[in-house]
Amino acid sequence: MTQHHIAFWNVENLFGPEDHAPRIPWVADAMRRDLRGWTQALYDTKQDQLAKVITALNGGKGPDILGLCEVEDRFVLDDLVARVDAGTGRRYGVVHADNLRDKRGIDTAFIFDAARYSVDTDLVFSHFVIRRTGTRDILQATFQTPEGRALVCLANHWPARSGGVLESAGFRATAGETLAYWHGRIREEAPDGKRACIVAMGDLNDDPWDGSVCSNANATRERGDVERAQSPKFYNLSWEYLKWASSTRTGTERVLDGTLYYNNDGNIFDQILMSRPLLDGGDAAFKMISGTGGPEPIADMVSHRMGEGAIRFGLPKGNAARNVDATGYSDHFPVSVILEEGQGP
């Protein structure tokens, strides 16, 4: 049965170099201090490191669809895709919408194997998350196989915990509500209605048990609840991975149980959420293969600094030329899931 490797990665501040000519003027003003010293050489090294990891996904074949966040613009995406194309032998397409509301101008995006999927630009949407200060939109795209199977993907990057976890919780709750709203609307508007295959992915800046995820986004650990639900509800694959990580850990052995680490403590901020049809298969276009959906432990990233996640390699606050580890990748691990074609159209 044909399989599809779907992944997401926060690539941590993928900005062009300091003198990046296409930069939006207000972004140049906002990021002037942080980008000072972010040279072409540092930028090229970061791009090479990111491409190395993306190429290693899916057993070294590269992902079929990859959601991304913390990218500056289409130009840096095109640079990344050129490297990934060279490493995988594939030809990747890009889905991207400029986000003019985030205070740093960073975007969410998708890259996808253009030989396996087509994307109707009329079905690409950038959903505005309403809050007092700007934040990233939720990017929605529909990927269609040559046989007409459709997979709706939503790339998320929810507001950070700056200012305090509790103080900022309302912003993430709003993002969760926005995602849940569009989950329902897709089911209403899609040609296959409640059988629509929907994957929401992203850096949610909250763990799977936090209210923004389980209550506002309606993403649960109870697979049976989703399979029986008539209303829009997501199954959160993070719980499957956490269960596996817990059962695998023996003695002092360290198992990767976070998608990012801070002070040696792991968080599962990067998550993949599945709509009901992907669980039960049946007449749906795709179905999930159980046991996938957690961080994909790329060997180089894990061995580089096990216990702290991927090396911080981006734009440290104050000056990009300081505290940069040119052997690093990102402060997050990629997460992935494998789908198999179902019995439906």
C-alpha atoms as a PDB file:
ATOM      1  CA  MET A   1       0.000   0.000   0.000  1.00  0.00           C
ATOM      2  CA  THR A   2       1.310   3.457  -0.925  1.00  0.00           C
ATOM      3  CA  GLN A   3       2.601   5.447   2.051  1.00  0.00           C
ATOM      4  CA  HIS A   4       2.968   9.172   2.658  1.00  0.00           C
ATOM      5  CA  HIS A   5       5.505  10.651   5.091  1.00  0.00           C
ATOM      6  CA  ILE A   6       4.139  13.860   6.648  1.00  0.00           C
ATOM      7  CA  ALA A   7       6.384  15.933   8.929  1.00  0.00           C
ATOM      8  CA  PHE A   8       6.716  19.281  10.694  1.00  0.00           C
ATOM      9  CA  TRP A   9       9.778  21.205  11.860  1.00  0.00           C
ATOM     10  CA  ASN A  10      10.412  24.513  13.598  1.00  0.00           C
ATOM     11  CA  VAL A  11      13.649  25.505  11.859  1.00  0.00           C
ATOM     12  CA  GLU A  12      14.401  28.310  14.339  1.00  0.00           C
ATOM     13  CA  ASN A  13      14.751  31.786  12.917  1.00  0.00           C
ATOM     14  CA  LEU A  14      15.513  31.007   9.293  1.00  0.00           C
ATOM     15  CA  PHE A  15      16.257  34.591   8.306  1.00  0.00           C
ATOM     16  CA  GLY A  16      18.248  35.709   5.318  1.00  0.00           C
ATOM     17  CA  PRO A  17      21.633  37.340   5.990  1.00  0.00           C
ATOM     18  CA  GLU A  18      21.944  40.848   7.400  1.00  0.00           C
ATOM     19  CA  ASP A  19      21.974  42.453   3.943  1.00  0.00           C
ATOM     20  CA  HIS A  20      19.071  40.317   2.603  1.00  0.00           C
ATOM     21  CA  ALA A  21      17.810  42.575  -0.211  1.00  0.00           C
ATOM     22  CA  PRO A  22      14.170  41.400  -0.465  1.00  0.00           C
ATOM     23  CA  ARG A  23      13.553  41.990   3.271  1.00  0.00           C
ATOM     24  CA  ILE A  24      10.293  43.804   4.090  1.00  0.00           C
ATOM     25  CA  PRO A  25      11.277  47.286   5.390  1.00  0.00           C
ATOM     26  CA  TRP A  26       9.429  47.034   8.708  1.00  0.00           C
ATOM     27  CA  VAL A  27      10.981  43.596   9.349  1.00  0.00           C
ATOM     28  CA  ALA A  28      14.411  45.100   8.639  1.00  0.00           C
ATOM     29  CA  ASP A  29      13.722  47.782  11.254  1.00  0.00           C
ATOM     30  CA  ALA A  30      12.355  45.320  13.849  1.00  0.00           C
ATOM     31  CA  MET A  31      15.202  42.824  13.396  1.00  0.00           C
ATOM     32  CA  ARG A  32      18.084  45.230  12.751  1.00  0.00           C
ATOM     33  CA  ARG A  33      19.822  44.541  16.063  1.00  0.00           C
ATOM     34  CA  ASP A  34      19.251  40.778  16.047  1.00  0.00           C
ATOM     35  CA  LEU A  35      20.470  40.411  12.476  1.00  0.00           C
ATOM     36  CA  ARG A  36      23.682  42.357  13.011  1.00  0.00           C
ATOM     37  CA  GLY A  37      26.521  40.005  12.157  1.00  0.00           C
ATOM     38  CA  TRP A  38      24.288  37.321  10.600  1.00  0.00           C
ATOM     39  CA  THR A  39      26.572  36.888   7.612  1.00  0.00           C
ATOM     40  CA  GLN A  40      26.050  35.135   4.296  1.00  0.00           C
ATOM     41  CA  ALA A  41      28.449  32.426   5.489  1.00  0.00           C
ATOM     42  CA  LEU A  42      26.441  31.778   8.686  1.00  0.00           C
ATOM     43  CA  TYR A  43      23.214  31.776   6.704  1.00  0.00           C
ATOM     44  CA  ASP A  44      24.581  29.290   4.154  1.00  0.00           C
ATOM     45  CA  THR A  45      25.831  27.004   6.923  1.00  0.00           C
ATOM     46  CA  LYS A  46      22.457  27.041   8.630  1.00  0.00           C
ATOM     47  CA  GLN A  47      20.709  26.246   5.353  1.00  0.00           C
ATOM     48  CA  ASP A  48      23.099  23.357   4.718  1.00  0.00           C
ATOM     49  CA  GLN A  49      22.470  21.968   8.218  1.00  0.00           C
ATOM     50  CA  LEU A  50      18.688  22.203   7.834  1.00  0.00           C
ATOM     51  CA  ALA A  51      18.798  20.515   4.439  1.00  0.00           C
ATOM     52  CA  LYS A  52      20.943  17.735   5.889  1.00  0.00           C
ATOM     53  CA  VAL A  53      18.270  16.914   8.462  1.00  0.00           C
ATOM     54  CA  ILE A  54      15.327  17.219   6.069  1.00  0.00           C
ATOM     55  CA  THR A  55      17.077  14.902   3.623  1.00  0.00           C
ATOM     56  CA  ALA A  56      17.589  12.364   6.431  1.00  0.00           C
ATOM     57  CA  LEU A  57      13.856  12.198   7.219  1.00  0.00           C
ATOM     58  CA  ASN A  58      11.796   9.261   5.986  1.00  0.00           C
ATOM     59  CA  GLY A  59      14.716   6.863   6.057  1.00  0.00           C
ATOM     60  CA  GLY A  60      16.916   9.158   3.992  1.00  0.00           C
ATOM     61  CA  LYS A  61      14.348   9.740   1.263  1.00  0.00           C
ATOM     62  CA  GLY A  62      13.124  13.101   2.554  1.00  0.00           C
ATOM     63  CA  PRO A  63       9.533  13.898   3.563  1.00  0.00           C
ATOM     64  CA  ASP A  64       6.617  13.846   1.146  1.00  0.00           C
ATOM     65  CA  ILE A  65       5.043  16.894   2.839  1.00  0.00           C
ATOM     66  CA  LEU A  66       6.855  19.040   5.403  1.00  0.00           C
ATOM     67  CA  GLY A  67       5.288  21.846   7.422  1.00  0.00           C
ATOM     68  CA  LEU A  68       7.695  24.548   8.568  1.00  0.00           C
ATOM     69  CA  CYS A  69       7.657  27.508  10.910  1.00  0.00           C
ATOM     70  CA  GLU A  70      10.043  30.362  11.723  1.00  0.00           C
ATOM     71  CA  VAL A  71      10.930  31.101   8.107  1.00  0.00           C
ATOM     72  CA  GLU A  72      11.384  34.709   7.012  1.00  0.00           C
ATOM     73  CA  ASP A  73      10.056  34.680   3.452  1.00  0.00           C
ATOM     74  CA  ARG A  74       9.725  32.854   0.144  1.00  0.00           C
ATOM     75  CA  PHE A  75      13.360  33.595  -0.770  1.00  0.00           C
ATOM     76  CA  VAL A  76      14.833  31.610   2.138  1.00  0.00           C
ATOM     77  CA  LEU A  77      12.360  28.801   1.389  1.00  0.00           C
ATOM     78  CA  ASP A  78      13.513  28.628  -2.220  1.00  0.00           C
ATOM     79  CA  ASP A  79      17.130  28.446  -1.023  1.00  0.00           C
ATOM     80  CA  LEU A  80      16.237  25.591   1.325  1.00  0.00           C
ATOM     81  CA  VAL A  81      14.286  23.703  -1.329  1.00  0.00           C
ATOM     82  CA  ALA A  82      17.195  23.897  -3.785  1.00  0.00           C
ATOM     83  CA  ARG A  83      19.412  22.170  -1.236  1.00  0.00           C
ATOM     84  CA  VAL A  84      16.799  19.550  -0.336  1.00  0.00           C
ATOM     85  CA  ASP A  85      16.145  18.835  -4.013  1.00  0.00           C
ATOM     86  CA  ALA A  86      19.858  18.221  -4.524  1.00  0.00           C
ATOM     87  CA  GLY A  87      20.050  15.930  -1.486  1.00  0.00           C
ATOM     88  CA  THR A  88      16.962  13.834  -2.216  1.00  0.00           C
ATOM     89  CA  GLY A  89      16.724  13.868  -5.999  1.00  0.00           C
ATOM     90  CA  ARG A  90      13.119  15.044  -5.622  1.00  0.00           C
ATOM     91  CA  ARG A  91      11.556  18.269  -6.850  1.00  0.00           C
ATOM     92  CA  TYR A  92       9.799  20.094  -4.018  1.00  0.00           C
ATOM     93  CA  GLY A  93       7.100  22.715  -4.399  1.00  0.00           C
ATOM     94  CA  VAL A  94       6.392  25.490  -1.877  1.00  0.00           C
ATOM     95  CA  VAL A  95       3.207  26.752  -0.221  1.00  0.00           C
ATOM     96  CA  HIS A  96       3.806  30.058   1.528  1.00  0.00           C
ATOM     97  CA  ALA A  97       1.922  33.207   2.517  1.00  0.00           C
ATOM     98  CA  ASP A  98       3.623  36.312   3.904  1.00  0.00           C
ATOM     99  CA  ASN A  99       2.551  36.986   7.473  1.00  0.00           C
ATOM    100  CA  LEU A 100       2.376  40.731   8.009  1.00  0.00           C
ATOM    101  CA  ARG A 101       1.144  40.587  11.607  1.00  0.00           C
ATOM    102  CA  ASP A 102       3.863  38.763  13.538  1.00  0.00           C
ATOM    103  CA  LYS A 103       6.236  41.216  15.200  1.00  0.00           C
ATOM    104  CA  ARG A 104       9.245  39.526  13.524  1.00  0.00           C
ATOM    105  CA  GLY A 105       7.506  38.796  10.248  1.00  0.00           C
ATOM    106  CA  ILE A 106       8.144  35.038  10.485  1.00  0.00           C
ATOM    107  CA  ASP A 107       5.927  32.670   8.522  1.00  0.00           C
ATOM    108  CA  THR A 108       4.596  29.146   8.396  1.00  0.00           C
ATOM    109  CA  ALA A 109       4.944  27.202   5.150  1.00  0.00           C
ATOM    110  CA  PHE A 110       4.901  23.803   3.452  1.00  0.00           C
ATOM    111  CA  ILE A 111       7.252  22.125   1.052  1.00  0.00           C
ATOM    112  CA  PHE A 112       5.990  19.066  -0.825  1.00  0.00           C
ATOM    113  CA  ASP A 113       7.027  16.548  -3.449  1.00  0.00           C
ATOM    114  CA  ALA A 114       5.622  18.112  -6.611  1.00  0.00           C
ATOM    115  CA  ALA A 115       5.632  14.738  -8.385  1.00  0.00           C
ATOM    116  CA  ARG A 116       3.310  13.231  -5.776  1.00  0.00           C
ATOM    117  CA  TYR A 117       0.898  16.115  -5.105  1.00  0.00           C
ATOM    118  CA  SER A 118      -0.651  19.145  -6.672  1.00  0.00           C
ATOM    119  CA  VAL A 119      -1.918  22.179  -4.750  1.00  0.00           C
ATOM    120  CA  ASP A 120      -4.848  24.303  -5.905  1.00  0.00           C
ATOM    121  CA  THR A 121      -3.936  27.879  -4.974  1.00  0.00           C
ATOM    122  CA  ASP A 122      -7.644  28.638  -4.560  1.00  0.00           C
ATOM    123  CA  LEU A 123      -7.609  26.196  -1.628  1.00  0.00           C
ATOM    124  CA  VAL A 124      -4.695  27.855   0.199  1.00  0.00           C
ATOM    125  CA  PHE A 125      -5.769  29.998   3.152  1.00  0.00           C
ATOM    126  CA  SER A 126      -3.942  32.017   5.786  1.00  0.00           C
ATOM    127  CA  HIS A 127      -6.231  32.095   8.827  1.00  0.00           C
ATOM    128  CA  PHE A 128      -5.874  35.169  11.024  1.00  0.00           C
ATOM    129  CA  VAL A 129      -5.548  34.460  14.755  1.00  0.00           C
ATOM    130  CA  ILE A 130      -7.132  37.466  16.461  1.00  0.00           C
ATOM    131  CA  ARG A 131      -5.261  38.823  19.479  1.00  0.00           C
ATOM    132  CA  ARG A 132      -4.081  42.181  20.834  1.00  0.00           C
ATOM    133  CA  THR A 133      -0.606  41.868  19.354  1.00  0.00           C
ATOM    134  CA  GLY A 134       0.367  40.274  16.059  1.00  0.00           C
ATOM    135  CA  THR A 135       0.911  36.549  15.751  1.00  0.00           C
ATOM    136  CA  ARG A 136       1.417  33.948  13.068  1.00  0.00           C
ATOM    137  CA  ASP A 137      -1.514  32.944  10.900  1.00  0.00           C
ATOM    138  CA  ILE A 138      -2.530  29.293  10.481  1.00  0.00           C
ATOM    139  CA  LEU A 139      -1.631  28.216   6.949  1.00  0.00           C
ATOM    140  CA  GLN A 140      -4.027  25.767   5.268  1.00  0.00           C
ATOM    141  CA  ALA A 141      -3.360  23.861   2.044  1.00  0.00           C
ATOM    142  CA  THR A 142      -4.939  20.862   0.303  1.00  0.00           C
ATOM    143  CA  PHE A 143      -2.556  18.337  -1.226  1.00  0.00           C
ATOM    144  CA  GLN A 144      -4.051  16.145  -3.938  1.00  0.00           C
ATOM    145  CA  THR A 145      -2.568  12.978  -5.384  1.00  0.00           C
ATOM    146  CA  PRO A 146      -2.837  12.193  -9.125  1.00  0.00           C
ATOM    147  CA  GLU A 147      -5.610   9.719  -8.215  1.00  0.00           C
ATOM    148  CA  GLY A 148      -7.642  12.532  -6.639  1.00  0.00           C
ATOM    149  CA  ARG A 149      -7.020  11.743  -2.951  1.00  0.00           C
ATOM    150  CA  ALA A 150      -7.069  14.956  -0.914  1.00  0.00           C
ATOM    151  CA  LEU A 151      -5.228  15.693   2.327  1.00  0.00           C
ATOM    152  CA  VAL A 152      -5.892  19.002   4.102  1.00  0.00           C
ATOM    153  CA  CYS A 153      -2.939  20.231   6.184  1.00  0.00           C
ATOM    154  CA  LEU A 154      -2.792  23.159   8.603  1.00  0.00           C
ATOM    155  CA  ALA A 155       0.584  24.533   9.750  1.00  0.00           C
ATOM    156  CA  ASN A 156       0.511  26.210  13.175  1.00  0.00           C
ATOM    157  CA  HIS A 157       2.925  28.296  15.222  1.00  0.00           C
ATOM    158  CA  TRP A 158       1.094  29.419  18.346  1.00  0.00           C
ATOM    159  CA  PRO A 159       2.107  32.383  20.528  1.00  0.00           C
ATOM    160  CA  ALA A 160       5.162  31.880  22.723  1.00  0.00           C
ATOM    161  CA  ARG A 161       5.261  31.764  26.519  1.00  0.00           C
ATOM    162  CA  SER A 162       7.068  35.097  26.793  1.00  0.00           C
ATOM    163  CA  GLY A 163       5.877  37.057  29.763  1.00  0.00           C
ATOM    164  CA  GLY A 164       4.982  33.883  31.665  1.00  0.00           C
ATOM    165  CA  VAL A 165       3.148  30.631  30.998  1.00  0.00           C
ATOM    166  CA  LEU A 166      -0.076  31.700  32.713  1.00  0.00           C
ATOM    167  CA  GLU A 167       0.112  35.300  31.540  1.00  0.00           C
ATOM    168  CA  SER A 168       0.357  34.238  27.887  1.00  0.00           C
ATOM    169  CA  ALA A 169      -2.002  31.226  28.075  1.00  0.00           C
ATOM    170  CA  GLY A 170      -4.971  33.179  26.727  1.00  0.00           C
ATOM    171  CA  PHE A 171      -3.155  33.872  23.474  1.00  0.00           C
ATOM    172  CA  ARG A 172      -2.597  30.154  22.862  1.00  0.00           C
ATOM    173  CA  ALA A 173      -6.187  29.438  23.833  1.00  0.00           C
ATOM    174  CA  THR A 174      -7.264  31.845  21.081  1.00  0.00           C
ATOM    175  CA  ALA A 175      -5.042  30.038  18.586  1.00  0.00           C
ATOM    176  CA  GLY A 176      -6.528  26.703  19.675  1.00  0.00           C
ATOM    177  CA  GLU A 177     -10.056  28.034  19.229  1.00  0.00           C
ATOM    178  CA  THR A 178      -9.133  29.324  15.766  1.00  0.00           C
ATOM    179  CA  LEU A 179      -7.836  25.906  14.760  1.00  0.00           C
ATOM    180  CA  ALA A 180     -10.948  24.177  16.104  1.00  0.00           C
ATOM    181  CA  TYR A 181     -13.177  26.626  14.212  1.00  0.00           C
ATOM    182  CA  TRP A 182     -11.471  25.914  10.889  1.00  0.00           C
ATOM    183  CA  HIS A 183     -11.543  22.178  11.569  1.00  0.00           C
ATOM    184  CA  GLY A 184     -15.322  22.453  11.666  1.00  0.00           C
ATOM    185  CA  ARG A 185     -15.512  24.725   8.632  1.00  0.00           C
ATOM    186  CA  ILE A 186     -13.386  22.369   6.523  1.00  0.00           C
ATOM    187  CA  ARG A 187     -15.764  19.521   7.337  1.00  0.00           C
ATOM    188  CA  GLU A 188     -18.670  21.698   6.260  1.00  0.00           C
ATOM    189  CA  GLU A 189     -17.092  22.908   3.024  1.00  0.00           C
ATOM    190  CA  ALA A 190     -14.992  19.961   1.807  1.00  0.00           C
ATOM    191  CA  PRO A 191     -16.492  17.824  -0.980  1.00  0.00           C
ATOM    192  CA  ASP A 192     -16.207  14.722   1.204  1.00  0.00           C
ATOM    193  CA  GLY A 193     -17.567  16.533   4.273  1.00  0.00           C
ATOM    194  CA  LYS A 194     -17.051  14.619   7.503  1.00  0.00           C
ATOM    195  CA  ARG A 195     -14.790  12.141   5.685  1.00  0.00           C
ATOM    196  CA  ALA A 196     -12.245  14.900   4.992  1.00  0.00           C
ATOM    197  CA  CYS A 197      -8.712  13.852   5.953  1.00  0.00           C
ATOM    198  CA  ILE A 198      -7.237  16.698   8.010  1.00  0.00           C
ATOM    199  CA  VAL A 199      -3.794  16.923   9.617  1.00  0.00           C
ATOM    200  CA  ALA A 200      -3.017  19.862  11.911  1.00  0.00           C
ATOM    201  CA  MET A 201       0.655  20.184  12.785  1.00  0.00           C
ATOM    202  CA  GLY A 202       2.858  22.727  14.435  1.00  0.00           C
ATOM    203  CA  ASP A 203       4.778  24.229  17.296  1.00  0.00           C
ATOM    204  CA  LEU A 204       1.926  24.907  19.724  1.00  0.00           C
ATOM    205  CA  ASN A 205       4.130  26.280  22.546  1.00  0.00           C
ATOM    206  CA  ASP A 206       2.022  24.192  24.924  1.00  0.00           C
ATOM    207  CA  ASP A 207       2.127  20.526  25.864  1.00  0.00           C
ATOM    208  CA  PRO A 208      -0.586  18.029  24.812  1.00  0.00           C
ATOM    209  CA  TRP A 209      -2.236  18.194  28.251  1.00  0.00           C
ATOM    210  CA  ASP A 210      -2.535  21.988  28.329  1.00  0.00           C
ATOM    211  CA  GLY A 211      -5.965  23.567  27.955  1.00  0.00           C
ATOM    212  CA  SER A 212      -5.238  25.334  24.685  1.00  0.00           C
ATOM    213  CA  VAL A 213      -4.636  21.962  23.038  1.00  0.00           C
ATOM    214  CA  CYS A 214      -7.045  19.539  24.705  1.00  0.00           C
ATOM    215  CA  SER A 215      -9.932  21.959  25.380  1.00  0.00           C
ATOM    216  CA  ASN A 216      -9.675  24.851  22.922  1.00  0.00           C
ATOM    217  CA  ALA A 217      -8.346  22.909  19.918  1.00  0.00           C
ATOM    218  CA  ASN A 218     -10.379  19.846  20.989  1.00  0.00           C
ATOM    219  CA  ALA A 219      -7.406  17.514  20.579  1.00  0.00           C
ATOM    220  CA  THR A 220      -7.559  14.504  22.867  1.00  0.00           C
ATOM    221  CA  ARG A 221      -5.484  11.509  23.949  1.00  0.00           C
ATOM    222  CA  GLU A 222      -8.553   9.256  23.797  1.00  0.00           C
ATOM    223  CA  ARG A 223      -8.588   7.679  20.371  1.00  0.00           C
ATOM    224  CA  GLY A 224     -11.948   6.012  20.988  1.00  0.00           C
ATOM    225  CA  ASP A 225     -13.559   9.368  21.788  1.00  0.00           C
ATOM    226  CA  VAL A 226     -12.451  10.700  18.399  1.00  0.00           C
ATOM    227  CA  GLU A 227     -13.554   7.557  16.540  1.00  0.00           C
ATOM    228  CA  ARG A 228     -17.038   7.831  18.077  1.00  0.00           C
ATOM    229  CA  ALA A 229     -17.354  11.618  17.819  1.00  0.00           C
ATOM    230  CA  GLN A 230     -19.804  13.231  15.437  1.00  0.00           C
ATOM    231  CA  SER A 231     -18.501  16.732  16.154  1.00  0.00           C
ATOM    232  CA  PRO A 232     -15.031  17.957  15.062  1.00  0.00           C
ATOM    233  CA  LYS A 233     -12.378  16.457  17.316  1.00  0.00           C
ATOM    234  CA  PHE A 234      -8.678  15.762  16.801  1.00  0.00           C
ATOM    235  CA  TYR A 235      -6.654  12.794  17.999  1.00  0.00           C
ATOM    236  CA  ASN A 236      -3.286  13.993  19.343  1.00  0.00           C
ATOM    237  CA  LEU A 237      -0.535  11.609  18.249  1.00  0.00           C
ATOM    238  CA  SER A 238       1.831  12.964  20.901  1.00  0.00           C
ATOM    239  CA  TRP A 239       0.220  10.659  23.430  1.00  0.00           C
ATOM    240  CA  GLU A 240       1.139   7.583  21.421  1.00  0.00           C
ATOM    241  CA  TYR A 241       4.734   8.708  21.288  1.00  0.00           C
ATOM    242  CA  LEU A 242       4.856   9.506  25.017  1.00  0.00           C
ATOM    243  CA  LYS A 243       3.465   6.066  25.819  1.00  0.00           C
ATOM    244  CA  TRP A 244       6.127   4.470  23.636  1.00  0.00           C
ATOM    245  CA  ALA A 245       8.907   6.583  25.188  1.00  0.00           C
ATOM    246  CA  SER A 246       7.776   5.639  28.700  1.00  0.00           C
ATOM    247  CA  SER A 247       7.660   1.916  27.938  1.00  0.00           C
ATOM    248  CA  THR A 248      11.030   2.004  26.170  1.00  0.00           C
ATOM    249  CA  ARG A 249      12.994   3.748  28.906  1.00  0.00           C
ATOM    250  CA  THR A 250      15.023   1.323  31.021  1.00  0.00           C
ATOM    251  CA  GLY A 251      17.308   2.171  33.937  1.00  0.00           C
ATOM    252  CA  THR A 252      19.404   5.240  33.216  1.00  0.00           C
ATOM    253  CA  GLU A 253      18.903   5.014  29.454  1.00  0.00           C
ATOM    254  CA  ARG A 254      17.831   8.361  28.011  1.00  0.00           C
ATOM    255  CA  VAL A 255      14.965   8.187  25.541  1.00  0.00           C
ATOM    256  CA  LEU A 256      14.026  11.186  23.429  1.00  0.00           C
ATOM    257  CA  ASP A 257      10.763  12.232  25.112  1.00  0.00           C
ATOM    258  CA  GLY A 258      10.586  15.877  24.049  1.00  0.00           C
ATOM    259  CA  THR A 259      10.528  17.806  20.822  1.00  0.00           C
ATOM    260  CA  LEU A 260      12.653  20.510  22.448  1.00  0.00           C
ATOM    261  CA  TYR A 261      14.625  20.767  25.680  1.00  0.00           C
ATOM    262  CA  TYR A 262      15.326  23.632  28.049  1.00  0.00           C
ATOM    263  CA  ASN A 263      17.631  23.161  31.042  1.00  0.00           C
ATOM    264  CA  ASN A 264      17.554  19.430  30.303  1.00  0.00           C
ATOM    265  CA  ASP A 265      13.753  19.235  30.621  1.00  0.00           C
ATOM    266  CA  GLY A 266      11.738  18.135  27.612  1.00  0.00           C
ATOM    267  CA  ASN A 267       8.516  19.606  26.282  1.00  0.00           C
ATOM    268  CA  ILE A 268       6.235  18.222  23.590  1.00  0.00           C
ATOM    269  CA  PHE A 269       5.405  21.525  21.901  1.00  0.00           C
ATOM    270  CA  ASP A 270       5.597  20.140  18.358  1.00  0.00           C
ATOM    271  CA  GLN A 271       2.505  18.054  17.732  1.00  0.00           C
ATOM    272  CA  ILE A 272       0.521  16.320  15.002  1.00  0.00           C
ATOM    273  CA  LEU A 273      -3.272  16.166  15.268  1.00  0.00           C
ATOM    274  CA  MET A 274      -5.449  13.867  13.157  1.00  0.00           C
ATOM    275  CA  SER A 275      -9.110  14.063  12.145  1.00  0.00           C
ATOM    276  CA  ARG A 276     -11.386  11.089  12.699  1.00  0.00           C
ATOM    277  CA  PRO A 277     -11.311   9.584   9.161  1.00  0.00           C
ATOM    278  CA  LEU A 278      -7.545   9.126   9.413  1.00  0.00           C
ATOM    279  CA  LEU A 279      -8.033   6.819  12.392  1.00  0.00           C
ATOM    280  CA  ASP A 280     -10.650   4.395  11.190  1.00  0.00           C
ATOM    281  CA  GLY A 281      -9.682   4.296   7.516  1.00  0.00           C
ATOM    282  CA  GLY A 282     -12.835   2.795   6.037  1.00  0.00           C
ATOM    283  CA  ASP A 283     -13.835   4.798   2.997  1.00  0.00           C
ATOM    284  CA  ALA A 284     -11.394   7.645   3.766  1.00  0.00           C
ATOM    285  CA  ALA A 285      -8.648   8.612   1.328  1.00  0.00           C
ATOM    286  CA  PHE A 286      -5.883   8.046   3.904  1.00  0.00           C
ATOM    287  CA  LYS A 287      -5.383   6.297   7.220  1.00  0.00           C
ATOM    288  CA  MET A 288      -2.767   6.705   9.922  1.00  0.00           C
ATOM    289  CA  ILE A 289      -0.202   4.028  10.666  1.00  0.00           C
ATOM    290  CA  SER A 290      -0.145   3.614  14.451  1.00  0.00           C
ATOM    291  CA  GLY A 291       3.064   4.154  16.344  1.00  0.00           C
ATOM    292  CA  THR A 292       4.119   7.272  14.475  1.00  0.00           C
ATOM    293  CA  GLY A 293       3.694  10.930  15.295  1.00  0.00           C
ATOM    294  CA  GLY A 294       6.516  11.816  17.679  1.00  0.00           C
ATOM    295  CA  PRO A 295       9.945  13.399  17.273  1.00  0.00           C
ATOM    296  CA  GLU A 296      12.035  11.828  14.547  1.00  0.00           C
ATOM    297  CA  PRO A 297      15.428  11.208  16.186  1.00  0.00           C
ATOM    298  CA  ILE A 298      17.913  12.157  13.468  1.00  0.00           C
ATOM    299  CA  ALA A 299      21.174  10.599  14.652  1.00  0.00           C
ATOM    300  CA  ASP A 300      23.401  13.655  14.180  1.00  0.00           C
ATOM    301  CA  MET A 301      20.988  15.910  16.049  1.00  0.00           C
ATOM    302  CA  VAL A 302      20.566  13.534  18.984  1.00  0.00           C
ATOM    303  CA  SER A 303      24.235  12.713  19.402  1.00  0.00           C
ATOM    304  CA  HIS A 304      25.187  16.386  19.135  1.00  0.00           C
ATOM    305  CA  ARG A 305      23.621  17.208  22.469  1.00  0.00           C
ATOM    306  CA  MET A 306      21.440  14.443  23.857  1.00  0.00           C
ATOM    307  CA  GLY A 307      19.180  15.665  26.636  1.00  0.00           C
ATOM    308  CA  GLU A 308      19.015  19.230  25.420  1.00  0.00           C
ATOM    309  CA  GLY A 309      17.497  18.666  22.012  1.00  0.00           C
ATOM    310  CA  ALA A 310      18.919  20.186  18.888  1.00  0.00           C
ATOM    311  CA  ILE A 311      21.561  22.839  19.314  1.00  0.00           C
ATOM    312  CA  ARG A 312      20.318  26.385  19.414  1.00  0.00           C
ATOM    313  CA  PHE A 313      21.416  27.737  16.071  1.00  0.00           C
ATOM    314  CA  GLY A 314      19.599  30.835  15.014  1.00  0.00           C
ATOM    315  CA  LEU A 315      19.546  34.440  16.073  1.00  0.00           C
ATOM    316  CA  PRO A 316      20.368  34.875  19.761  1.00  0.00           C
ATOM    317  CA  LYS A 317      18.776  37.928  21.317  1.00  0.00           C
ATOM    318  CA  GLY A 318      20.944  40.961  20.833  1.00  0.00           C
ATOM    319  CA  ASN A 319      23.354  39.992  18.099  1.00  0.00           C
ATOM    320  CA  ALA A 320      23.249  37.112  15.652  1.00  0.00           C
ATOM    321  CA  ALA A 321      27.019  36.828  15.418  1.00  0.00           C
ATOM    322  CA  ARG A 322      27.356  35.853  19.088  1.00  0.00           C
ATOM    323  CA  ASN A 323      26.656  32.420  20.612  1.00  0.00           C
ATOM    324  CA  VAL A 324      26.038  30.740  17.274  1.00  0.00           C
ATOM    325  CA  ASP A 325      26.955  27.063  17.045  1.00  0.00           C
ATOM    326  CA  ALA A 326      27.662  26.517  13.364  1.00  0.00           C
ATOM    327  CA  THR A 327      27.440  22.743  13.854  1.00  0.00           C
ATOM    328  CA  GLY A 328      23.873  23.010  15.144  1.00  0.00           C
ATOM    329  CA  TYR A 329      20.511  22.700  13.477  1.00  0.00           C
ATOM    330  CA  SER A 330      17.536  24.130  15.423  1.00  0.00           C
ATOM    331  CA  ASP A 331      16.224  24.212  18.968  1.00  0.00           C
ATOM    332  CA  HIS A 332      13.413  21.784  18.002  1.00  0.00           C
ATOM    333  CA  PHE A 333      13.298  18.244  16.665  1.00  0.00           C
ATOM    334  CA  PRO A 334      11.130  17.441  13.640  1.00  0.00           C
ATOM    335  CA  VAL A 335       8.002  15.337  14.195  1.00  0.00           C
ATOM    336  CA  SER A 336       6.453  13.024  11.642  1.00  0.00           C
ATOM    337  CA  VAL A 337       3.645  10.607  10.882  1.00  0.00           C
ATOM    338  CA  ILE A 338       3.143   8.010   8.162  1.00  0.00           C
ATOM    339  CA  LEU A 339      -0.164   7.777   6.344  1.00  0.00           C
ATOM    340  CA  GLU A 340      -1.291   4.929   4.139  1.00  0.00           C
ATOM    341  CA  GLU A 341      -3.785   5.233   1.333  1.00  0.00           C
ATOM    342  CA  GLY A 342      -7.215   4.041   2.409  1.00  0.00           C
ATOM    343  CA  GLN A 343     -10.138   2.572   0.527  1.00  0.00           C
ATOM    344  CA  GLY A 344     -11.828   5.843  -0.316  1.00  0.00           C
ATOM    345  CA  PRO A 345     -11.296   8.091  -3.316  1.00  0.00           C
END
